[in-house]
Amino acid sequence: MNNKRLSRLVQFAANSIVILFLITTVLTQTAFAQKNSPRDIKVMTFNIRLGIVDDGENSWKHRSENLCQTIEKFNPELLGLQEAFLFQIDEILKHFPDLALVGVGRDDGKQGGEYSCILYDKTRFNVDTTETFWFSDTPNIPGSKHWGNNITRICTWAKFTDSKTKKRFYYYNVHLDHESQPSREKSTELLLAKMNKQKEKLPIILTGDFNCGDDNPAILTILKGGLVDSYRALHKKTANDGTFHAFKGGTDGEKIDFIFTSKHLKTKKSEIVRDSYNGKFPSDHFPVIAVLEF
């Protein structure tokens, strides 16, 4: 190989390296800019499995640290919890001092029983109004249930103001019944009625464990009501979308944990988080995450 040809090859290689570096830099800067866009809101829904039952090696005391580690990895600014008892919430809040609580216990409207609560980044969001209502014929009476559900079911919502964007929005978090289909359907009807009665028509985020999949009438009611499944906005339905796995890590079954949004919000990212720790899972549900943009 003569010197002239060798020189051309060296120059070509040098130019390729420069181009590759520029492309990598641009992609990195773009990803960084997206990650830090002031319009982005990181949302997570997580059924953390009630901590009062004896699940043996999957009991709360054995998995709470891993659960917090899973939350920390995504670092949500809005976190909807289901099956959360106050002592579990307190432990999570201790781990994340920037988060604050909205919600009450479903048994008495105070601290009794499970919460379907909202944890929010208090350095970013301000709470304007909050309420918890019961999925029943008497939604303002704590502990009430009428639609075939043997377990009390609730929704907690809040109206937030985002200090970064000055945008205001509603956030609803629910846990629907696992047995009664009439209860699931009536619950979503009541939920939409509550949303529609709000005096201010603001963007909406809805999270929760709905205990049913995409094609269930309860979910279809929500979609017909104008909300969008953030996960389905980016991912087609597959046989491996399951979010309940009974601590086994299976991906079959239906996606029963959802992050819905009104059309004011764009989904930039959505994933089912399947993290495990030495073969152990932080809950019997996989959490679902989304990055949303006004």
Protein backbone atom coordinates (compact mmCIF):
# COMPACT_ATOMS: atom_id res chain seq x y z
CA MET A 1 0.00 0.00 0.00
CA ASN A 2 1.50 3.36 -1.07
CA ASN A 3 1.79 6.29 1.29
CA LYS A 4 -0.85 8.34 -0.51
CA ARG A 5 -3.50 5.66 -0.16
CA LEU A 6 -2.57 5.04 3.46
CA SER A 7 -2.88 8.76 4.15
CA ARG A 8 -6.39 8.78 2.66
CA LEU A 9 -7.45 5.82 4.81
CA VAL A 10 -6.09 7.48 7.94
CA GLN A 11 -7.95 10.68 7.11
CA PHE A 12 -11.16 8.74 6.43
CA ALA A 13 -10.88 6.95 9.78
CA ALA A 14 -10.22 10.24 11.57
CA ASN A 15 -13.25 11.86 9.92
CA SER A 16 -15.43 8.85 10.82
CA ILE A 17 -14.39 9.13 14.46
CA VAL A 18 -15.23 12.83 14.48
CA ILE A 19 -18.63 12.21 12.89
CA LEU A 20 -19.38 9.40 15.35
CA PHE A 21 -18.39 11.64 18.23
CA LEU A 22 -20.65 14.44 16.99
CA ILE A 23 -23.59 12.07 16.53
CA THR A 24 -23.08 10.61 20.01
CA THR A 25 -22.83 14.08 21.51
CA VAL A 26 -26.02 15.26 19.81
CA LEU A 27 -27.94 12.17 20.89
CA THR A 28 -26.68 12.48 24.45
CA GLN A 29 -27.53 16.17 24.60
CA THR A 30 -30.99 15.50 23.12
CA ALA A 31 -31.69 12.75 25.66
CA PHE A 32 -30.44 15.00 28.44
CA ALA A 33 -32.62 17.87 27.27
CA GLN A 34 -35.67 15.61 27.11
CA LYS A 35 -34.97 14.22 30.54
CA ASN A 36 -34.72 17.71 32.01
CA SER A 37 -37.48 19.44 30.10
CA PRO A 38 -39.47 21.54 32.58
CA ARG A 39 -42.65 20.31 30.91
CA ASP A 40 -41.90 16.66 31.72
CA ILE A 41 -43.69 14.97 34.61
CA LYS A 42 -42.55 11.54 35.76
CA VAL A 43 -45.48 9.42 36.95
CA MET A 44 -45.55 5.95 38.49
CA THR A 45 -48.40 3.69 39.58
CA PHE A 46 -47.49 0.91 41.99
CA ASN A 47 -49.57 -1.66 43.85
CA ILE A 48 -47.15 -2.36 46.68
CA ARG A 49 -49.01 -5.35 48.20
CA LEU A 50 -50.52 -4.80 51.63
CA GLY A 51 -47.93 -5.11 54.34
CA ILE A 52 -50.09 -6.72 57.04
CA VAL A 53 -50.18 -10.22 55.54
CA ASP A 54 -47.66 -12.98 56.06
CA ASP A 55 -46.17 -13.59 52.62
CA GLY A 56 -43.24 -15.51 54.03
CA GLU A 57 -40.04 -14.50 52.24
CA ASN A 58 -42.10 -11.94 50.28
CA SER A 59 -43.43 -10.20 53.39
CA TRP A 60 -43.02 -6.43 53.60
CA LYS A 61 -40.00 -6.52 55.92
CA HIS A 62 -38.06 -8.54 53.34
CA ARG A 63 -38.89 -6.39 50.30
CA SER A 64 -39.44 -2.81 51.47
CA GLU A 65 -35.84 -1.82 50.75
CA ASN A 66 -36.02 -3.25 47.23
CA LEU A 67 -39.35 -1.55 46.65
CA CYS A 68 -37.85 1.81 47.59
CA GLN A 69 -34.89 1.06 45.34
CA THR A 70 -37.28 0.42 42.44
CA ILE A 71 -39.03 3.73 43.07
CA GLU A 72 -35.70 5.54 43.41
CA LYS A 73 -34.48 4.22 40.06
CA PHE A 74 -37.25 6.11 38.24
CA ASN A 75 -37.58 8.88 40.86
CA PRO A 76 -41.22 9.77 40.10
CA GLU A 77 -42.61 13.19 40.86
CA LEU A 78 -46.12 11.76 41.12
CA LEU A 79 -46.62 8.30 42.58
CA GLY A 80 -49.98 6.56 42.91
CA LEU A 81 -49.92 3.72 45.44
CA GLN A 82 -52.44 0.95 45.97
CA GLU A 83 -52.71 -1.52 48.88
CA ALA A 84 -50.67 0.87 50.98
CA PHE A 85 -51.04 0.93 54.76
CA LEU A 86 -49.87 3.97 56.69
CA PHE A 87 -46.78 2.27 58.11
CA GLN A 88 -45.70 1.37 54.56
CA ILE A 89 -46.34 4.92 53.36
CA ASP A 90 -44.36 6.32 56.29
CA GLU A 91 -41.41 4.10 55.41
CA ILE A 92 -41.47 5.24 51.79
CA LEU A 93 -41.75 8.91 52.80
CA LYS A 94 -38.78 8.49 55.13
CA HIS A 95 -36.78 7.21 52.17
CA PHE A 96 -37.95 10.06 49.92
CA PRO A 97 -38.05 13.28 51.96
CA ASP A 98 -39.11 15.39 48.95
CA LEU A 99 -42.37 13.45 48.66
CA ALA A 100 -45.56 14.30 50.56
CA LEU A 101 -48.86 12.47 51.05
CA VAL A 102 -52.38 13.07 49.80
CA GLY A 103 -54.94 10.49 50.92
CA VAL A 104 -56.80 8.76 53.74
CA GLY A 105 -57.49 5.21 54.84
CA ARG A 106 -60.47 3.61 53.18
CA ASP A 107 -61.98 2.13 56.35
CA ASP A 108 -62.71 5.36 58.22
CA GLY A 109 -61.60 8.26 56.05
CA LYS A 110 -58.72 8.86 58.45
CA GLN A 111 -55.88 6.40 58.94
CA GLY A 112 -57.69 3.06 58.99
CA GLY A 113 -57.09 0.45 56.33
CA GLU A 114 -55.55 0.65 52.91
CA TYR A 115 -54.82 3.92 51.11
CA SER A 116 -55.10 4.62 47.40
CA CYS A 117 -52.91 7.59 47.97
CA ILE A 118 -50.89 10.04 45.94
CA LEU A 119 -47.30 10.85 46.82
CA TYR A 120 -46.09 14.04 45.14
CA ASP A 121 -42.88 16.04 44.90
CA LYS A 122 -43.54 18.91 47.31
CA THR A 123 -40.61 20.88 45.87
CA ARG A 124 -42.42 21.06 42.53
CA PHE A 125 -46.17 20.72 43.11
CA ASN A 126 -48.61 22.58 45.32
CA VAL A 127 -51.91 21.02 46.39
CA ASP A 128 -54.94 23.21 45.82
CA THR A 129 -57.76 20.78 46.65
CA THR A 130 -57.98 17.12 47.58
CA GLU A 131 -60.74 14.61 48.25
CA THR A 132 -61.27 10.90 48.76
CA PHE A 133 -64.56 9.32 47.75
CA TRP A 134 -65.92 5.80 48.06
CA PHE A 135 -67.09 3.67 45.16
CA SER A 136 -70.64 3.21 46.38
CA ASP A 137 -74.11 4.73 46.27
CA THR A 138 -72.96 7.00 49.10
CA PRO A 139 -69.51 8.13 47.92
CA ASN A 140 -69.06 10.64 50.75
CA ILE A 141 -69.57 8.08 53.54
CA PRO A 142 -66.29 6.46 54.67
CA GLY A 143 -66.27 2.69 54.46
CA SER A 144 -69.37 2.45 52.25
CA LYS A 145 -69.77 -0.28 49.61
CA HIS A 146 -72.86 -1.29 47.65
CA TRP A 147 -72.02 -2.80 44.26
CA GLY A 148 -71.13 -6.39 45.05
CA ASN A 149 -67.63 -5.67 46.25
CA ASN A 150 -66.86 -7.30 49.58
CA ILE A 151 -63.90 -4.95 50.03
CA THR A 152 -64.20 -1.19 50.36
CA ARG A 153 -62.88 0.64 47.29
CA ILE A 154 -61.88 4.30 47.00
CA CYS A 155 -60.45 7.04 44.83
CA THR A 156 -58.21 9.84 46.05
CA TRP A 157 -57.74 12.90 43.87
CA ALA A 158 -56.00 16.25 44.10
CA LYS A 159 -55.73 19.44 42.07
CA PHE A 160 -52.09 20.40 41.69
CA THR A 161 -50.22 23.46 40.48
CA ASP A 162 -46.84 22.83 38.86
CA SER A 163 -44.35 25.45 40.04
CA LYS A 164 -42.18 24.84 36.95
CA THR A 165 -44.79 25.38 34.26
CA LYS A 166 -47.58 27.07 36.29
CA LYS A 167 -49.89 24.46 34.81
CA ARG A 168 -52.76 23.14 36.93
CA PHE A 169 -54.11 19.62 36.62
CA TYR A 170 -56.07 16.89 38.37
CA TYR A 171 -54.55 13.64 39.51
CA TYR A 172 -56.79 10.68 40.40
CA ASN A 173 -55.62 7.39 41.91
CA VAL A 174 -57.87 4.34 42.27
CA HIS A 175 -57.99 0.68 43.20
CA LEU A 176 -60.98 -1.12 41.69
CA ASP A 177 -62.50 -4.34 42.95
CA HIS A 178 -60.86 -7.67 42.08
CA GLU A 179 -64.06 -9.75 42.13
CA SER A 180 -67.15 -7.77 41.16
CA GLN A 181 -67.46 -6.73 37.53
CA PRO A 182 -70.58 -4.62 38.30
CA SER A 183 -68.51 -2.79 40.89
CA ARG A 184 -65.72 -2.09 38.39
CA GLU A 185 -68.18 -0.76 35.83
CA LYS A 186 -70.14 1.39 38.29
CA SER A 187 -66.89 2.64 39.79
CA THR A 188 -65.58 3.94 36.47
CA GLU A 189 -68.95 5.53 35.74
CA LEU A 190 -68.83 7.35 39.08
CA LEU A 191 -65.21 8.30 38.47
CA LEU A 192 -66.00 9.93 35.13
CA ALA A 193 -69.02 11.67 36.62
CA LYS A 194 -66.79 13.15 39.33
CA MET A 195 -64.29 14.31 36.72
CA ASN A 196 -66.99 15.90 34.59
CA LYS A 197 -68.43 17.79 37.56
CA GLN A 198 -65.18 19.60 38.25
CA LYS A 199 -65.71 23.34 37.82
CA GLU A 200 -62.35 23.81 36.13
CA LYS A 201 -61.68 21.78 33.00
CA LEU A 202 -58.02 20.97 33.52
CA PRO A 203 -55.68 18.23 32.26
CA ILE A 204 -56.17 14.88 34.00
CA ILE A 205 -53.85 12.09 35.09
CA LEU A 206 -55.48 8.87 36.30
CA THR A 207 -53.50 5.97 37.77
CA GLY A 208 -54.39 2.78 39.51
CA ASP A 209 -54.84 -0.93 39.79
CA PHE A 210 -58.05 -1.54 37.82
CA ASN A 211 -58.07 -5.31 38.30
CA CYS A 212 -59.06 -5.79 34.66
CA GLY A 213 -57.46 -5.55 31.24
CA ASP A 214 -57.68 -3.40 28.13
CA ASP A 215 -60.86 -4.91 26.73
CA ASN A 216 -62.90 -4.87 29.94
CA PRO A 217 -66.01 -2.64 29.83
CA ALA A 218 -64.67 -0.65 32.79
CA ILE A 219 -61.53 0.28 30.84
CA LEU A 220 -63.53 0.95 27.69
CA THR A 221 -65.70 3.36 29.69
CA ILE A 222 -62.60 5.34 30.62
CA LEU A 223 -61.37 5.41 27.03
CA LYS A 224 -64.78 6.46 25.74
CA GLY A 225 -64.69 9.21 28.34
CA GLY A 226 -61.79 10.78 26.46
CA LEU A 227 -58.76 9.50 28.39
CA VAL A 228 -55.77 7.81 26.80
CA ASP A 229 -53.79 4.83 28.08
CA SER A 230 -50.25 6.22 28.11
CA TYR A 231 -48.70 2.76 27.73
CA ARG A 232 -50.84 1.89 24.70
CA ALA A 233 -49.96 5.27 23.17
CA LEU A 234 -46.48 3.83 22.61
CA HIS A 235 -46.86 0.03 22.77
CA LYS A 236 -49.12 -2.38 20.94
CA LYS A 237 -50.83 -5.14 22.88
CA THR A 238 -48.80 -8.34 23.29
CA ALA A 239 -49.02 -11.59 25.24
CA ASN A 240 -46.36 -10.31 27.66
CA ASP A 241 -48.04 -7.20 29.09
CA GLY A 242 -49.07 -8.73 32.41
CA THR A 243 -48.55 -6.56 35.49
CA PHE A 244 -49.81 -8.93 38.22
CA HIS A 245 -47.42 -11.83 38.78
CA ALA A 246 -47.96 -13.07 42.37
CA PHE A 247 -44.24 -12.60 43.18
CA LYS A 248 -43.31 -15.04 40.41
CA GLY A 249 -42.23 -12.55 37.76
CA GLY A 250 -44.48 -13.88 35.01
CA THR A 251 -45.33 -11.55 32.15
CA ASP A 252 -48.40 -13.37 30.87
CA GLY A 253 -51.90 -12.20 31.68
CA GLU A 254 -53.32 -8.74 31.23
CA LYS A 255 -52.01 -5.31 32.03
CA ILE A 256 -54.26 -4.31 34.91
CA ASP A 257 -52.22 -1.33 36.15
CA PHE A 258 -52.71 1.86 34.15
CA ILE A 259 -51.63 5.46 33.72
CA PHE A 260 -54.33 7.32 31.80
CA THR A 261 -54.14 10.94 30.69
CA SER A 262 -56.37 13.48 29.06
CA LYS A 263 -55.39 14.62 25.59
CA HIS A 264 -53.71 17.72 27.03
CA LEU A 265 -50.74 15.49 27.85
CA LYS A 266 -48.32 13.75 25.51
CA THR A 267 -46.69 10.47 26.49
CA LYS A 268 -42.94 10.59 25.85
CA LYS A 269 -42.10 7.32 27.58
CA SER A 270 -43.99 4.48 29.22
CA GLU A 271 -42.74 1.17 30.56
CA ILE A 272 -43.66 -1.76 32.75
CA VAL A 273 -40.85 -2.07 35.30
CA ARG A 274 -39.88 -5.69 35.89
CA ASP A 275 -36.91 -5.23 38.21
CA SER A 276 -35.99 -8.04 40.58
CA TYR A 277 -33.31 -8.46 43.23
CA ASN A 278 -31.60 -11.84 43.42
CA GLY A 279 -34.74 -13.38 41.99
CA LYS A 280 -37.06 -11.59 44.43
CA PHE A 281 -39.60 -8.96 43.45
CA PRO A 282 -40.52 -5.80 45.40
CA SER A 283 -44.26 -6.48 44.99
CA ASP A 284 -46.71 -8.91 43.41
CA HIS A 285 -47.44 -6.24 40.79
CA PHE A 286 -45.03 -4.67 38.34
CA PRO A 287 -45.19 -0.87 38.54
CA VAL A 288 -45.93 1.14 35.40
CA ILE A 289 -44.12 4.41 34.65
CA ALA A 290 -44.66 7.24 32.21
CA VAL A 291 -42.98 10.49 31.28
CA LEU A 292 -45.68 12.98 30.34
CA GLU A 293 -45.44 16.42 28.75
CA PHE A 294 -47.99 19.24 28.67
